[in-house]
Amino acid sequence: MVHDHEQAVLTDDSEEGKGDILQLVSFHVGDEEYAIDILDVQEIIRMVEITAVPNAAPYVEGVINLRGKVIPILDLRARFGLPSAERTKDTRIIVVDMANVILGFIVDSVSEVLRLPESLIEPSPVTGKSGSAEFHKGVGRVDGRLLVILDLKELVHRQT
């Protein structure tokens, strides 16, 4: 019996070992659906009180205290050059860990966690526009809809 179980585990590992399946968290900002790698997501929380930070970039909403840690919060609407919108019961903060730098991103709503084969991800088209296009890693096709996959490093570090 143990042998059969070990064989099943080996079979599962060999399929996952190919590295061609991405696990993504999808969310909405404005009319678009975006996704980031689930491995970068630490947690997803409801909106909390955000303390403003003087002289911060326009897309930096401020900071929050999350279990004793001060975390900068970026408003993705502002980062993408979209008009602000009223926060709703669906508004969330996605807390990410990028190489031990913890940040939060305000999004309009979180959709789902999904698995997407890398073969269904195409490079982002060159649009020549500023805004969110410069932060794209690629575009994936999921159930007949397009999903923009974000590059968190570009999103945080690129100056616009």
Protein backbone atom coordinates (compact mmCIF):
# COMPACT_ATOMS: atom_id res chain seq x y z
CA MET A 1 0.00 0.00 0.00
CA VAL A 2 2.76 2.45 0.86
CA HIS A 3 4.40 1.71 -2.49
CA ASP A 4 1.25 2.72 -4.40
CA HIS A 5 0.99 5.95 -2.42
CA GLU A 6 4.66 6.75 -3.11
CA GLN A 7 4.13 6.15 -6.81
CA ALA A 8 1.15 8.52 -6.86
CA VAL A 9 3.18 11.19 -5.10
CA LEU A 10 6.04 10.75 -7.57
CA THR A 11 3.65 11.06 -10.49
CA ASP A 12 2.13 14.23 -9.04
CA ASP A 13 5.56 15.72 -8.34
CA SER A 14 6.79 15.00 -11.84
CA GLU A 15 3.83 16.88 -13.33
CA GLU A 16 4.33 19.87 -11.02
CA GLY A 17 8.09 19.75 -11.56
CA LYS A 18 7.74 20.86 -15.16
CA GLY A 19 7.15 24.39 -13.88
CA ASP A 20 4.63 25.21 -16.58
CA ILE A 21 1.65 25.89 -14.32
CA LEU A 22 1.37 29.25 -12.58
CA GLN A 23 -0.86 29.77 -9.58
CA LEU A 24 -2.24 33.28 -9.64
CA VAL A 25 -4.47 35.51 -7.55
CA SER A 26 -6.78 37.51 -9.82
CA PHE A 27 -8.33 40.85 -8.93
CA HIS A 28 -10.05 43.86 -10.48
CA VAL A 29 -8.86 47.43 -10.72
CA GLY A 30 -11.32 49.53 -12.70
CA ASP A 31 -12.70 47.56 -15.63
CA GLU A 32 -9.64 45.31 -15.98
CA GLU A 33 -8.76 42.00 -14.40
CA TYR A 34 -5.18 41.53 -13.23
CA ALA A 35 -3.23 38.74 -11.57
CA ILE A 36 -0.08 38.24 -9.55
CA ASP A 37 1.81 35.10 -8.61
CA ILE A 38 0.32 33.54 -5.49
CA LEU A 39 3.82 32.91 -4.15
CA ASP A 40 4.20 36.69 -3.73
CA VAL A 41 0.93 37.04 -1.79
CA GLN A 42 1.25 37.00 1.98
CA GLU A 43 -2.43 37.65 2.71
CA ILE A 44 -5.54 39.48 1.57
CA ILE A 45 -7.28 41.75 4.05
CA ARG A 46 -10.31 44.02 4.17
CA MET A 47 -9.76 47.76 4.09
CA VAL A 48 -8.43 49.19 7.33
CA GLU A 49 -7.58 52.70 8.45
CA ILE A 50 -4.59 53.99 6.49
CA THR A 51 -2.30 56.66 7.91
CA ALA A 52 -1.18 59.22 5.31
CA VAL A 53 2.55 59.78 4.78
CA PRO A 54 3.64 63.35 3.95
CA ASN A 55 5.50 63.92 0.66
CA ALA A 56 4.85 60.37 -0.57
CA ALA A 57 4.33 59.55 -4.24
CA PRO A 58 0.73 60.22 -5.38
CA TYR A 59 -0.02 56.49 -5.58
CA VAL A 60 1.18 55.80 -2.02
CA GLU A 61 -1.97 55.87 0.09
CA GLY A 62 -0.04 55.69 3.34
CA VAL A 63 0.84 52.99 5.86
CA ILE A 64 -1.01 50.49 8.03
CA ASN A 65 -0.07 48.63 11.17
CA LEU A 66 -0.52 44.93 10.53
CA ARG A 67 0.20 42.87 13.63
CA GLY A 68 2.94 45.25 14.75
CA LYS A 69 4.53 45.80 11.34
CA VAL A 70 4.25 49.09 9.47
CA ILE A 71 3.37 48.33 5.84
CA PRO A 72 3.29 50.86 2.97
CA ILE A 73 0.02 50.78 1.00
CA LEU A 74 -0.13 51.60 -2.72
CA ASP A 75 -3.39 52.48 -4.48
CA LEU A 76 -3.32 50.59 -7.79
CA ARG A 77 -5.97 52.89 -9.30
CA ALA A 78 -3.64 55.85 -8.76
CA ARG A 79 -0.59 53.83 -9.86
CA PHE A 80 -2.32 52.95 -13.13
CA GLY A 81 -3.49 56.53 -13.73
CA LEU A 82 -7.16 55.69 -13.18
CA PRO A 83 -9.61 58.02 -11.46
CA SER A 84 -10.28 57.29 -7.80
CA ALA A 85 -13.44 55.39 -6.91
CA GLU A 86 -15.45 54.95 -3.77
CA ARG A 87 -14.23 52.10 -1.60
CA THR A 88 -16.80 49.35 -1.23
CA LYS A 89 -17.31 46.22 0.83
CA ASP A 90 -15.38 44.38 -1.93
CA THR A 91 -12.29 46.62 -1.76
CA ARG A 92 -9.27 44.68 -0.50
CA ILE A 93 -5.63 45.13 0.34
CA ILE A 94 -3.38 42.44 -1.12
CA VAL A 95 -0.31 42.17 1.11
CA VAL A 96 2.72 40.95 -0.83
CA ASP A 97 6.23 39.94 0.14
CA MET A 98 8.80 40.86 -2.50
CA ALA A 99 12.20 39.61 -1.38
CA ASN A 100 11.42 40.49 2.25
CA VAL A 101 9.90 43.87 1.38
CA ILE A 102 6.26 43.81 2.48
CA LEU A 103 3.77 46.09 0.73
CA GLY A 104 0.02 46.31 0.34
CA PHE A 105 -1.92 47.05 -2.84
CA ILE A 106 -5.46 48.43 -2.76
CA VAL A 107 -7.65 46.69 -5.36
CA ASP A 108 -11.35 47.05 -6.17
CA SER A 109 -12.04 43.35 -5.57
CA VAL A 110 -10.32 39.98 -5.45
CA SER A 111 -11.70 37.41 -7.88
CA GLU A 112 -10.15 33.98 -7.46
CA VAL A 113 -7.06 31.83 -7.20
CA LEU A 114 -6.43 30.03 -10.45
CA ARG A 115 -3.94 27.76 -12.16
CA LEU A 116 -2.79 28.87 -15.58
CA PRO A 117 -0.40 27.01 -17.90
CA GLU A 118 2.50 29.23 -18.98
CA SER A 119 1.67 28.23 -22.56
CA LEU A 120 -1.50 30.34 -22.31
CA ILE A 121 0.46 33.47 -21.37
CA GLU A 122 1.55 35.75 -24.18
CA PRO A 123 3.93 38.70 -23.94
CA SER A 124 2.22 42.02 -23.37
CA PRO A 125 1.56 43.93 -26.57
CA VAL A 126 3.56 47.12 -27.00
CA THR A 127 0.98 49.87 -26.75
CA GLY A 128 3.17 52.93 -26.40
CA LYS A 129 0.90 54.11 -23.59
CA SER A 130 1.85 54.78 -20.04
CA GLY A 131 -0.28 53.60 -17.16
CA SER A 132 -0.52 49.95 -16.23
CA ALA A 133 0.91 48.64 -19.55
CA GLU A 134 4.49 49.17 -18.41
CA PHE A 135 3.91 46.88 -15.41
CA HIS A 136 2.69 43.87 -17.41
CA LYS A 137 4.53 40.56 -17.39
CA GLY A 138 2.13 39.08 -19.92
CA VAL A 139 -1.49 38.45 -20.81
CA GLY A 140 -3.18 35.14 -20.07
CA ARG A 141 -6.35 33.67 -21.52
CA VAL A 142 -8.72 32.21 -18.95
CA ASP A 143 -12.22 30.97 -19.78
CA GLY A 144 -12.55 33.33 -22.74
CA ARG A 145 -11.31 36.41 -20.86
CA LEU A 146 -7.96 38.14 -20.82
CA LEU A 147 -6.02 38.38 -17.59
CA VAL A 148 -3.17 40.89 -17.29
CA ILE A 149 -0.32 39.43 -15.24
CA LEU A 150 1.58 42.11 -13.34
CA ASP A 151 5.31 42.37 -12.73
CA LEU A 152 5.47 43.47 -9.09
CA LYS A 153 9.08 44.64 -9.26
CA GLU A 154 8.28 46.98 -12.16
CA LEU A 155 5.09 48.09 -10.45
CA VAL A 156 6.96 49.16 -7.33
CA HIS A 157 10.28 50.39 -8.70
CA ARG A 158 9.54 51.94 -12.12
CA GLN A 159 9.36 55.72 -12.04
CA THR A 160 6.55 57.19 -14.15
